[in-house]
């Protein structure tokens, strides 16, 4: 994991851009728009961006529960499984990076 705050923001931005690409590919417009709102603040190195992204997690019907590409499940099950596996990996990476930013003591 990157230790500098600037490095963590850069890593989070890259992760969010990968997530947006995956969500666009799977045609999940709601989460694309939502994540882009947080990405704007992350790209400006604002704590609010990391906390906005963290706010997507937890509770019922949140980003933690999202399953993407359901339209692929029947006709392209491997594509469906791969998309959701990648989503799970990105979701964990993003949460870890955003948490590391938000937990810093000094701003």
PDB file of N, CA and C in Angstrom:
ATOM      1  N   UNK A   1       0.847  -1.181   0.000  1.00  0.00           N
ATOM      2  CA  UNK A   1       0.000   0.000   0.000  1.00  0.00           C
ATOM      3  C   UNK A   1       0.890   1.241   0.000  1.00  0.00           C
ATOM      4  N   UNK A   2       0.432   2.258  -0.677  1.00  0.00           N
ATOM      5  CA  UNK A   2       1.138   3.528  -0.770  1.00  0.00           C
ATOM      6  C   UNK A   2       1.012   4.257   0.560  1.00  0.00           C
ATOM      7  N   UNK A   3       2.106   4.876   1.012  1.00  0.00           N
ATOM      8  CA  UNK A   3       2.089   5.538   2.322  1.00  0.00           C
ATOM      9  C   UNK A   3       1.785   7.025   2.255  1.00  0.00           C
ATOM     10  N   UNK A   4       2.223   7.706   1.201  1.00  0.00           N
ATOM     11  CA  UNK A   4       1.990   9.152   1.154  1.00  0.00           C
ATOM     12  C   UNK A   4       0.528   9.435   0.833  1.00  0.00           C
ATOM     13  N   UNK A   5       0.033  10.523   1.365  1.00  0.00           N
ATOM     14  CA  UNK A   5      -1.350  10.910   1.119  1.00  0.00           C
ATOM     15  C   UNK A   5      -1.594  11.142  -0.367  1.00  0.00           C
ATOM     16  N   UNK A   6      -0.688  11.835  -1.030  1.00  0.00           N
ATOM     17  CA  UNK A   6      -0.839  12.077  -2.472  1.00  0.00           C
ATOM     18  C   UNK A   6      -0.864  10.760  -3.231  1.00  0.00           C
ATOM     19  N   UNK A   7      -0.021   9.829  -2.839  1.00  0.00           N
ATOM     20  CA  UNK A   7       0.004   8.520  -3.479  1.00  0.00           C
ATOM     21  C   UNK A   7      -1.285   7.745  -3.269  1.00  0.00           C
ATOM     22  N   UNK A   8      -1.860   7.871  -2.082  1.00  0.00           N
ATOM     23  CA  UNK A   8      -3.129   7.200  -1.797  1.00  0.00           C
ATOM     24  C   UNK A   8      -4.259   7.794  -2.632  1.00  0.00           C
ATOM     25  N   UNK A   9      -4.272   9.117  -2.774  1.00  0.00           N
ATOM     26  CA  UNK A   9      -5.285   9.739  -3.628  1.00  0.00           C
ATOM     27  C   UNK A   9      -5.123   9.294  -5.086  1.00  0.00           C
ATOM     28  N   UNK A  10      -3.890   9.200  -5.544  1.00  0.00           N
ATOM     29  CA  UNK A  10      -3.635   8.748  -6.910  1.00  0.00           C
ATOM     30  C   UNK A  10      -4.112   7.314  -7.097  1.00  0.00           C
ATOM     31  N   UNK A  11      -3.795   6.458  -6.132  1.00  0.00           N
ATOM     32  CA  UNK A  11      -4.220   5.060  -6.199  1.00  0.00           C
ATOM     33  C   UNK A  11      -5.745   4.961  -6.201  1.00  0.00           C
ATOM     34  N   UNK A  12      -6.394   5.742  -5.347  1.00  0.00           N
ATOM     35  CA  UNK A  12      -7.853   5.720  -5.279  1.00  0.00           C
ATOM     36  C   UNK A  12      -8.458   6.202  -6.587  1.00  0.00           C
ATOM     37  N   UNK A  13      -7.899   7.230  -7.158  1.00  0.00           N
ATOM     38  CA  UNK A  13      -8.387   7.739  -8.437  1.00  0.00           C
ATOM     39  C   UNK A  13      -8.271   6.667  -9.524  1.00  0.00           C
ATOM     40  N   UNK A  14      -7.150   5.982  -9.575  1.00  0.00           N
ATOM     41  CA  UNK A  14      -6.955   4.923 -10.569  1.00  0.00           C
ATOM     42  C   UNK A  14      -7.950   3.782 -10.359  1.00  0.00           C
ATOM     43  N   UNK A  15      -8.159   3.412  -9.117  1.00  0.00           N
ATOM     44  CA  UNK A  15      -9.108   2.343  -8.805  1.00  0.00           C
ATOM     45  C   UNK A  15     -10.528   2.744  -9.209  1.00  0.00           C
ATOM     46  N   UNK A  16     -10.889   3.986  -8.910  1.00  0.00           N
ATOM     47  CA  UNK A  16     -12.232   4.454  -9.256  1.00  0.00           C
ATOM     48  C   UNK A  16     -12.423   4.526 -10.767  1.00  0.00           C
ATOM     49  N   UNK A  17     -11.391   4.922 -11.485  1.00  0.00           N
ATOM     50  CA  UNK A  17     -11.484   4.950 -12.948  1.00  0.00           C
ATOM     51  C   UNK A  17     -11.647   3.542 -13.515  1.00  0.00           C
ATOM     52  N   UNK A  18     -10.955   2.569 -12.939  1.00  0.00           N
ATOM     53  CA  UNK A  18     -11.135   1.178 -13.368  1.00  0.00           C
ATOM     54  C   UNK A  18     -12.555   0.708 -13.082  1.00  0.00           C
ATOM     55  N   UNK A  19     -13.063   1.095 -11.906  1.00  0.00           N
ATOM     56  CA  UNK A  19     -14.425   0.732 -11.539  1.00  0.00           C
ATOM     57  C   UNK A  19     -15.434   1.352 -12.498  1.00  0.00           C
ATOM     58  N   UNK A  20     -15.251   2.610 -12.813  1.00  0.00           N
ATOM     59  CA  UNK A  20     -16.162   3.288 -13.737  1.00  0.00           C
ATOM     60  C   UNK A  20     -16.166   2.586 -15.088  1.00  0.00           C
ATOM     61  N   UNK A  21     -14.997   2.209 -15.582  1.00  0.00           N
ATOM     62  CA  UNK A  21     -14.921   1.486 -16.857  1.00  0.00           C
ATOM     63  C   UNK A  21     -15.688   0.171 -16.786  1.00  0.00           C
ATOM     64  N   UNK A  22     -15.524  -0.562 -15.696  1.00  0.00           N
ATOM     65  CA  UNK A  22     -16.236  -1.826 -15.527  1.00  0.00           C
ATOM     66  C   UNK A  22     -17.742  -1.598 -15.458  1.00  0.00           C
ATOM     67  N   UNK A  23     -18.151  -0.590 -14.713  1.00  0.00           N
ATOM     68  CA  UNK A  23     -19.582  -0.291 -14.593  1.00  0.00           C
ATOM     69  C   UNK A  23     -20.169   0.168 -15.923  1.00  0.00           C
ATOM     70  N   UNK A  24     -19.414   0.949 -16.683  1.00  0.00           N
ATOM     71  CA  UNK A  24     -19.888   1.375 -18.002  1.00  0.00           C
ATOM     72  C   UNK A  24     -20.024   0.181 -18.938  1.00  0.00           C
ATOM     73  N   UNK A  25     -19.060  -0.717 -18.898  1.00  0.00           N
ATOM     74  CA  UNK A  25     -19.113  -1.910 -19.738  1.00  0.00           C
ATOM     75  C   UNK A  25     -20.335  -2.761 -19.407  1.00  0.00           C
ATOM     76  N   UNK A  26     -20.679  -2.815 -18.128  1.00  0.00           N
ATOM     77  CA  UNK A  26     -21.820  -3.628 -17.699  1.00  0.00           C
ATOM     78  C   UNK A  26     -23.133  -2.838 -17.695  1.00  0.00           C
ATOM     79  N   UNK A  27     -23.063  -1.597 -18.132  1.00  0.00           N
ATOM     80  CA  UNK A  27     -24.242  -0.727 -18.307  1.00  0.00           C
ATOM     81  C   UNK A  27     -24.950  -0.402 -16.989  1.00  0.00           C
ATOM     82  N   UNK A  28     -24.188  -0.152 -15.953  1.00  0.00           N
ATOM     83  CA  UNK A  28     -24.754   0.234 -14.665  1.00  0.00           C
ATOM     84  C   UNK A  28     -24.642   1.747 -14.517  1.00  0.00           C
ATOM     85  N   UNK A  29     -25.572   2.451 -15.096  1.00  0.00           N
ATOM     86  CA  UNK A  29     -25.512   3.906 -15.170  1.00  0.00           C
ATOM     87  C   UNK A  29     -25.638   4.606 -13.813  1.00  0.00           C
ATOM     88  N   UNK A  30     -26.447   4.066 -12.921  1.00  0.00           N
ATOM     89  CA  UNK A  30     -26.622   4.704 -11.620  1.00  0.00           C
ATOM     90  C   UNK A  30     -25.289   4.817 -10.888  1.00  0.00           C
ATOM     91  N   UNK A  31     -24.579   3.703 -10.762  1.00  0.00           N
ATOM     92  CA  UNK A  31     -23.340   3.720 -10.007  1.00  0.00           C
ATOM     93  C   UNK A  31     -22.231   4.467 -10.724  1.00  0.00           C
ATOM     94  N   UNK A  32     -22.266   4.502 -12.051  1.00  0.00           N
ATOM     95  CA  UNK A  32     -21.271   5.301 -12.786  1.00  0.00           C
ATOM     96  C   UNK A  32     -21.398   6.760 -12.382  1.00  0.00           C
ATOM     97  N   UNK A  33     -22.605   7.281 -12.439  1.00  0.00           N
ATOM     98  CA  UNK A  33     -22.835   8.685 -12.086  1.00  0.00           C
ATOM     99  C   UNK A  33     -22.461   8.954 -10.637  1.00  0.00           C
ATOM    100  N   UNK A  34     -22.806   8.049  -9.768  1.00  0.00           N
ATOM    101  CA  UNK A  34     -22.535   8.228  -8.343  1.00  0.00           C
ATOM    102  C   UNK A  34     -21.040   8.222  -8.051  1.00  0.00           C
ATOM    103  N   UNK A  35     -20.330   7.259  -8.599  1.00  0.00           N
ATOM    104  CA  UNK A  35     -18.884   7.152  -8.367  1.00  0.00           C
ATOM    105  C   UNK A  35     -18.147   8.342  -8.976  1.00  0.00           C
ATOM    106  N   UNK A  36     -18.607   8.831 -10.112  1.00  0.00           N
ATOM    107  CA  UNK A  36     -17.964   9.995 -10.736  1.00  0.00           C
ATOM    108  C   UNK A  36     -18.048  11.224  -9.842  1.00  0.00           C
ATOM    109  N   UNK A  37     -19.119  11.345  -9.075  1.00  0.00           N
ATOM    110  CA  UNK A  37     -19.237  12.482  -8.143  1.00  0.00           C
ATOM    111  C   UNK A  37     -18.128  12.427  -7.092  1.00  0.00           C
ATOM    112  N   UNK A  38     -17.873  11.251  -6.567  1.00  0.00           N
ATOM    113  CA  UNK A  38     -16.795  11.107  -5.590  1.00  0.00           C
ATOM    114  C   UNK A  38     -15.423  11.245  -6.226  1.00  0.00           C
ATOM    115  N   UNK A  39     -15.270  10.745  -7.447  1.00  0.00           N
ATOM    116  CA  UNK A  39     -13.986  10.809  -8.146  1.00  0.00           C
ATOM    117  C   UNK A  39     -13.540  12.251  -8.344  1.00  0.00           C
ATOM    118  N   UNK A  40     -14.465  13.130  -8.627  1.00  0.00           N
ATOM    119  CA  UNK A  40     -14.116  14.544  -8.824  1.00  0.00           C
ATOM    120  C   UNK A  40     -13.399  15.094  -7.592  1.00  0.00           C
ATOM    121  N   UNK A  41     -13.913  14.795  -6.419  1.00  0.00           N
ATOM    122  CA  UNK A  41     -13.294  15.267  -5.179  1.00  0.00           C
ATOM    123  C   UNK A  41     -11.993  14.533  -4.884  1.00  0.00           C
ATOM    124  N   UNK A  42     -11.938  13.257  -5.220  1.00  0.00           N
ATOM    125  CA  UNK A  42     -10.701  12.491  -5.027  1.00  0.00           C
ATOM    126  C   UNK A  42      -9.598  13.088  -5.897  1.00  0.00           C
ATOM    127  N   UNK A  43      -9.941  13.421  -7.138  1.00  0.00           N
ATOM    128  CA  UNK A  43      -8.946  14.014  -8.040  1.00  0.00           C
ATOM    129  C   UNK A  43      -8.454  15.381  -7.560  1.00  0.00           C
ATOM    130  N   UNK A  44      -9.232  16.026  -6.702  1.00  0.00           N
ATOM    131  CA  UNK A  44      -8.827  17.300  -6.103  1.00  0.00           C
ATOM    132  C   UNK A  44      -8.154  17.079  -4.740  1.00  0.00           C
ATOM    133  N   UNK A  45      -7.879  15.816  -4.401  1.00  0.00           N
ATOM    134  CA  UNK A  45      -7.245  15.429  -3.134  1.00  0.00           C
ATOM    135  C   UNK A  45      -8.009  15.930  -1.914  1.00  0.00           C
ATOM    136  N   UNK A  46      -9.321  15.841  -1.977  1.00  0.00           N
ATOM    137  CA  UNK A  46     -10.164  16.277  -0.867  1.00  0.00           C
ATOM    138  C   UNK A  46     -10.615  15.083  -0.040  1.00  0.00           C
ATOM    139  N   UNK A  47     -10.524  15.225   1.277  1.00  0.00           N
ATOM    140  CA  UNK A  47     -10.988  14.195   2.181  1.00  0.00           C
ATOM    141  C   UNK A  47     -12.439  13.841   1.898  1.00  0.00           C
ATOM    142  N   UNK A  48     -13.237  14.819   1.538  1.00  0.00           N
ATOM    143  CA  UNK A  48     -14.649  14.583   1.253  1.00  0.00           C
ATOM    144  C   UNK A  48     -14.851  13.548   0.152  1.00  0.00           C
ATOM    145  N   UNK A  49     -13.916  13.462  -0.781  1.00  0.00           N
ATOM    146  CA  UNK A  49     -14.016  12.456  -1.840  1.00  0.00           C
ATOM    147  C   UNK A  49     -13.895  11.052  -1.288  1.00  0.00           C
ATOM    148  N   UNK A  50     -12.918  10.846  -0.411  1.00  0.00           N
ATOM    149  CA  UNK A  50     -12.734   9.522   0.199  1.00  0.00           C
ATOM    150  C   UNK A  50     -13.924   9.166   1.085  1.00  0.00           C
ATOM    151  N   UNK A  51     -14.418  10.120   1.848  1.00  0.00           N
ATOM    152  CA  UNK A  51     -15.556   9.824   2.723  1.00  0.00           C
ATOM    153  C   UNK A  51     -16.838   9.620   1.919  1.00  0.00           C
ATOM    154  N   UNK A  52     -16.966  10.337   0.791  1.00  0.00           N
ATOM    155  CA  UNK A  52     -18.111  10.120  -0.096  1.00  0.00           C
ATOM    156  C   UNK A  52     -18.104   8.684  -0.613  1.00  0.00           C
ATOM    157  N   UNK A  53     -16.941   8.224  -1.049  1.00  0.00           N
ATOM    158  CA  UNK A  53     -16.819   6.857  -1.554  1.00  0.00           C
ATOM    159  C   UNK A  53     -17.106   5.852  -0.449  1.00  0.00           C
ATOM    160  N   UNK A  54     -16.590   6.089   0.745  1.00  0.00           N
ATOM    161  CA  UNK A  54     -16.863   5.183   1.864  1.00  0.00           C
ATOM    162  C   UNK A  54     -18.348   5.131   2.187  1.00  0.00           C
ATOM    163  N   UNK A  55     -19.045   6.235   1.967  1.00  0.00           N
ATOM    164  CA  UNK A  55     -20.481   6.283   2.217  1.00  0.00           C
ATOM    165  C   UNK A  55     -21.287   5.390   1.292  1.00  0.00           C
ATOM    166  N   UNK A  56     -20.680   4.926   0.213  1.00  0.00           N
ATOM    167  CA  UNK A  56     -21.350   4.013  -0.717  1.00  0.00           C
ATOM    168  C   UNK A  56     -21.473   2.612  -0.134  1.00  0.00           C
ATOM    169  N   UNK A  57     -20.655   2.312   0.868  1.00  0.00           N
ATOM    170  CA  UNK A  57     -20.577   0.970   1.448  1.00  0.00           C
ATOM    171  C   UNK A  57     -21.448   0.855   2.680  1.00  0.00           C
ATOM    172  N   UNK A  58     -21.862  -0.354   2.974  1.00  0.00           N
ATOM    173  CA  UNK A  58     -22.562  -0.654   4.211  1.00  0.00           C
ATOM    174  C   UNK A  58     -24.061  -0.481   4.105  1.00  0.00           C
ATOM    175  N   UNK A  59     -24.749  -1.287   4.837  1.00  0.00           N
ATOM    176  CA  UNK A  59     -26.198  -1.224   4.837  1.00  0.00           C
ATOM    177  C   UNK A  59     -26.801  -1.972   3.660  1.00  0.00           C
ATOM    178  N   UNK A  60     -28.106  -2.063   3.693  1.00  0.00           N
ATOM    179  CA  UNK A  60     -28.836  -2.786   2.661  1.00  0.00           C
ATOM    180  C   UNK A  60     -28.957  -1.943   1.394  1.00  0.00           C
ATOM    181  N   UNK A  61     -28.856  -2.597   0.251  1.00  0.00           N
ATOM    182  CA  UNK A  61     -28.990  -1.957  -1.062  1.00  0.00           C
ATOM    183  C   UNK A  61     -27.952  -0.866  -1.304  1.00  0.00           C
ATOM    184  N   UNK A  62     -26.735  -1.099  -0.848  1.00  0.00           N
ATOM    185  CA  UNK A  62     -25.644  -0.161  -1.077  1.00  0.00           C
ATOM    186  C   UNK A  62     -24.666  -0.779  -2.067  1.00  0.00           C
ATOM    187  N   UNK A  63     -23.596  -0.079  -2.317  1.00  0.00           N
ATOM    188  CA  UNK A  63     -22.586  -0.552  -3.255  1.00  0.00           C
ATOM    189  C   UNK A  63     -22.013  -1.902  -2.826  1.00  0.00           C
ATOM    190  N   UNK A  64     -22.026  -2.176  -1.556  1.00  0.00           N
ATOM    191  CA  UNK A  64     -21.536  -3.460  -1.052  1.00  0.00           C
ATOM    192  C   UNK A  64     -22.337  -4.632  -1.598  1.00  0.00           C
ATOM    193  N   UNK A  65     -23.592  -4.393  -1.956  1.00  0.00           N
ATOM    194  CA  UNK A  65     -24.492  -5.454  -2.415  1.00  0.00           C
ATOM    195  C   UNK A  65     -24.648  -5.522  -3.931  1.00  0.00           C
ATOM    196  N   UNK A  66     -24.024  -4.633  -4.646  1.00  0.00           N
ATOM    197  CA  UNK A  66     -24.247  -4.543  -6.092  1.00  0.00           C
ATOM    198  C   UNK A  66     -23.761  -5.797  -6.806  1.00  0.00           C
ATOM    199  N   UNK A  67     -24.590  -6.277  -7.699  1.00  0.00           N
ATOM    200  CA  UNK A  67     -24.236  -7.330  -8.646  1.00  0.00           C
ATOM    201  C   UNK A  67     -24.420  -6.702 -10.017  1.00  0.00           C
ATOM    202  N   UNK A  68     -23.392  -6.779 -10.846  1.00  0.00           N
ATOM    203  CA  UNK A  68     -23.447  -6.129 -12.148  1.00  0.00           C
ATOM    204  C   UNK A  68     -23.653  -7.145 -13.267  1.00  0.00           C
ATOM    205  N   UNK A  69     -23.943  -6.619 -14.432  1.00  0.00           N
ATOM    206  CA  UNK A  69     -24.004  -7.391 -15.673  1.00  0.00           C
ATOM    207  C   UNK A  69     -25.004  -8.538 -15.607  1.00  0.00           C
ATOM    208  N   UNK A  70     -26.105  -8.328 -14.937  1.00  0.00           N
ATOM    209  CA  UNK A  70     -27.089  -9.395 -14.819  1.00  0.00           C
ATOM    210  C   UNK A  70     -27.653  -9.812 -16.174  1.00  0.00           C
ATOM    211  N   UNK A  71     -27.595  -8.910 -17.137  1.00  0.00           N
ATOM    212  CA  UNK A  71     -28.063  -9.246 -18.486  1.00  0.00           C
ATOM    213  C   UNK A  71     -27.139 -10.235 -19.192  1.00  0.00           C
ATOM    214  N   UNK A  72     -25.944 -10.474 -18.646  1.00  0.00           N
ATOM    215  CA  UNK A  72     -25.007 -11.448 -19.200  1.00  0.00           C
ATOM    216  C   UNK A  72     -25.148 -12.816 -18.543  1.00  0.00           C
ATOM    217  N   UNK A  73     -25.833 -12.869 -17.437  1.00  0.00           N
ATOM    218  CA  UNK A  73     -25.854 -14.098 -16.630  1.00  0.00           C
ATOM    219  C   UNK A  73     -26.323 -15.326 -17.423  1.00  0.00           C
ATOM    220  N   UNK A  74     -27.338 -15.180 -18.219  1.00  0.00           N
ATOM    221  CA  UNK A  74     -27.894 -16.322 -18.940  1.00  0.00           C
ATOM    222  C   UNK A  74     -27.094 -16.657 -20.201  1.00  0.00           C
ATOM    223  N   UNK A  75     -26.776 -15.639 -20.998  1.00  0.00           N
ATOM    224  CA  UNK A  75     -26.136 -15.877 -22.291  1.00  0.00           C
ATOM    225  C   UNK A  75     -24.612 -15.954 -22.226  1.00  0.00           C
ATOM    226  N   UNK A  76     -24.016 -15.294 -21.270  1.00  0.00           N
ATOM    227  CA  UNK A  76     -22.553 -15.269 -21.128  1.00  0.00           C
ATOM    228  C   UNK A  76     -22.175 -15.434 -19.660  1.00  0.00           C
ATOM    229  N   UNK A  77     -22.422 -16.612 -19.100  1.00  0.00           N
ATOM    230  CA  UNK A  77     -22.192 -16.776 -17.664  1.00  0.00           C
ATOM    231  C   UNK A  77     -20.740 -16.537 -17.230  1.00  0.00           C
ATOM    232  N   UNK A  78     -19.788 -16.900 -18.063  1.00  0.00           N
ATOM    233  CA  UNK A  78     -18.393 -16.668 -17.696  1.00  0.00           C
ATOM    234  C   UNK A  78     -18.088 -15.175 -17.653  1.00  0.00           C
ATOM    235  N   UNK A  79     -18.609 -14.441 -18.625  1.00  0.00           N
ATOM    236  CA  UNK A  79     -18.427 -12.984 -18.653  1.00  0.00           C
ATOM    237  C   UNK A  79     -19.074 -12.353 -17.415  1.00  0.00           C
ATOM    238  N   UNK A  80     -20.252 -12.836 -17.053  1.00  0.00           N
ATOM    239  CA  UNK A  80     -20.967 -12.370 -15.863  1.00  0.00           C
ATOM    240  C   UNK A  80     -20.137 -12.632 -14.602  1.00  0.00           C
ATOM    241  N   UNK A  81     -19.635 -13.856 -14.465  1.00  0.00           N
ATOM    242  CA  UNK A  81     -18.842 -14.214 -13.286  1.00  0.00           C
ATOM    243  C   UNK A  81     -17.556 -13.403 -13.218  1.00  0.00           C
ATOM    244  N   UNK A  82     -16.890 -13.228 -14.348  1.00  0.00           N
ATOM    245  CA  UNK A  82     -15.647 -12.457 -14.363  1.00  0.00           C
ATOM    246  C   UNK A  82     -15.880 -10.993 -14.012  1.00  0.00           C
ATOM    247  N   UNK A  83     -16.951 -10.425 -14.536  1.00  0.00           N
ATOM    248  CA  UNK A  83     -17.267  -9.022 -14.241  1.00  0.00           C
ATOM    249  C   UNK A  83     -17.513  -8.836 -12.745  1.00  0.00           C
ATOM    250  N   UNK A  84     -18.249  -9.749 -12.142  1.00  0.00           N
ATOM    251  CA  UNK A  84     -18.547  -9.621 -10.716  1.00  0.00           C
ATOM    252  C   UNK A  84     -17.354  -9.958  -9.836  1.00  0.00           C
ATOM    253  N   UNK A  85     -16.483 -10.835 -10.298  1.00  0.00           N
ATOM    254  CA  UNK A  85     -15.245 -11.099  -9.563  1.00  0.00           C
ATOM    255  C   UNK A  85     -14.360  -9.858  -9.580  1.00  0.00           C
ATOM    256  N   UNK A  86     -14.268  -9.226 -10.733  1.00  0.00           N
ATOM    257  CA  UNK A  86     -13.473  -7.989 -10.836  1.00  0.00           C
ATOM    258  C   UNK A  86     -14.099  -6.889  -9.976  1.00  0.00           C
ATOM    259  N   UNK A  87     -15.421  -6.801  -9.988  1.00  0.00           N
ATOM    260  CA  UNK A  87     -16.106  -5.830  -9.139  1.00  0.00           C
ATOM    261  C   UNK A  87     -15.766  -6.061  -7.675  1.00  0.00           C
ATOM    262  N   UNK A  88     -15.794  -7.301  -7.233  1.00  0.00           N
ATOM    263  CA  UNK A  88     -15.474  -7.607  -5.841  1.00  0.00           C
ATOM    264  C   UNK A  88     -14.059  -7.206  -5.478  1.00  0.00           C
ATOM    265  N   UNK A  89     -13.128  -7.472  -6.380  1.00  0.00           N
ATOM    266  CA  UNK A  89     -11.734  -7.100  -6.138  1.00  0.00           C
ATOM    267  C   UNK A  89     -11.586  -5.588  -6.048  1.00  0.00           C
ATOM    268  N   UNK A  90     -12.166  -4.876  -7.000  1.00  0.00           N
ATOM    269  CA  UNK A  90     -12.086  -3.409  -6.982  1.00  0.00           C
ATOM    270  C   UNK A  90     -12.790  -2.832  -5.758  1.00  0.00           C
ATOM    271  N   UNK A  91     -13.919  -3.390  -5.423  1.00  0.00           N
ATOM    272  CA  UNK A  91     -14.677  -2.899  -4.267  1.00  0.00           C
ATOM    273  C   UNK A  91     -13.814  -2.983  -3.004  1.00  0.00           C
ATOM    274  N   UNK A  92     -13.103  -4.096  -2.831  1.00  0.00           N
ATOM    275  CA  UNK A  92     -12.229  -4.254  -1.657  1.00  0.00           C
ATOM    276  C   UNK A  92     -11.050  -3.291  -1.695  1.00  0.00           C
ATOM    277  N   UNK A  93     -10.410  -3.164  -2.862  1.00  0.00           N
ATOM    278  CA  UNK A  93      -9.265  -2.255  -2.991  1.00  0.00           C
ATOM    279  C   UNK A  93      -9.679  -0.810  -2.714  1.00  0.00           C
ATOM    280  N   UNK A  94     -10.792  -0.411  -3.278  1.00  0.00           N
ATOM    281  CA  UNK A  94     -11.274   0.961  -3.112  1.00  0.00           C
ATOM    282  C   UNK A  94     -11.602   1.229  -1.638  1.00  0.00           C
ATOM    283  N   UNK A  95     -12.271   0.301  -1.007  1.00  0.00           N
ATOM    284  CA  UNK A  95     -12.604   0.484   0.406  1.00  0.00           C
ATOM    285  C   UNK A  95     -11.338   0.632   1.245  1.00  0.00           C
ATOM    286  N   UNK A  96     -10.353  -0.220   0.994  1.00  0.00           N
ATOM    287  CA  UNK A  96      -9.100  -0.160   1.752  1.00  0.00           C
ATOM    288  C   UNK A  96      -8.376   1.166   1.549  1.00  0.00           C
ATOM    289  N   UNK A  97      -8.297   1.615   0.302  1.00  0.00           N
ATOM    290  CA  UNK A  97      -7.585   2.852   0.012  1.00  0.00           C
ATOM    291  C   UNK A  97      -8.328   4.058   0.575  1.00  0.00           C
ATOM    292  N   UNK A  98      -9.637   4.107   0.381  1.00  0.00           N
ATOM    293  CA  UNK A  98     -10.424   5.230   0.912  1.00  0.00           C
ATOM    294  C   UNK A  98     -10.369   5.246   2.435  1.00  0.00           C
ATOM    295  N   UNK A  99     -10.384   4.084   3.061  1.00  0.00           N
ATOM    296  CA  UNK A  99     -10.288   4.009   4.524  1.00  0.00           C
ATOM    297  C   UNK A  99      -8.934   4.510   5.015  1.00  0.00           C
ATOM    298  N   UNK A 100      -7.881   4.167   4.289  1.00  0.00           N
ATOM    299  CA  UNK A 100      -6.542   4.625   4.668  1.00  0.00           C
ATOM    300  C   UNK A 100      -6.458   6.149   4.608  1.00  0.00           C
ATOM    301  N   UNK A 101      -7.079   6.740   3.604  1.00  0.00           N
ATOM    302  CA  UNK A 101      -7.092   8.210   3.487  1.00  0.00           C
ATOM    303  C   UNK A 101      -7.895   8.819   4.629  1.00  0.00           C
ATOM    304  N   UNK A 102      -9.089   8.293   4.847  1.00  0.00           N
ATOM    305  CA  UNK A 102      -9.987   8.865   5.849  1.00  0.00           C
ATOM    306  C   UNK A 102      -9.466   8.684   7.277  1.00  0.00           C
ATOM    307  N   UNK A 103      -8.634   7.683   7.499  1.00  0.00           N
ATOM    308  CA  UNK A 103      -8.171   7.415   8.865  1.00  0.00           C
ATOM    309  C   UNK A 103      -6.918   8.188   9.246  1.00  0.00           C
ATOM    310  N   UNK A 104      -6.382   8.987   8.330  1.00  0.00           N
ATOM    311  CA  UNK A 104      -5.183   9.781   8.648  1.00  0.00           C
ATOM    312  C   UNK A 104      -5.510  10.771   9.769  1.00  0.00           C
ATOM    313  N   UNK A 105      -4.564  10.953  10.641  1.00  0.00           N
ATOM    314  CA  UNK A 105      -4.763  11.860  11.780  1.00  0.00           C
ATOM    315  C   UNK A 105      -4.507  13.309  11.429  1.00  0.00           C
ATOM    316  N   UNK A 106      -3.618  13.536  10.488  1.00  0.00           N
ATOM    317  CA  UNK A 106      -3.227  14.919  10.183  1.00  0.00           C
ATOM    318  C   UNK A 106      -3.604  15.261   8.749  1.00  0.00           C
ATOM    319  N   UNK A 107      -4.249  16.389   8.616  1.00  0.00           N
ATOM    320  CA  UNK A 107      -4.632  16.884   7.290  1.00  0.00           C
ATOM    321  C   UNK A 107      -4.060  18.242   7.098  1.00  0.00           C
TER     322      UNK A 107
END
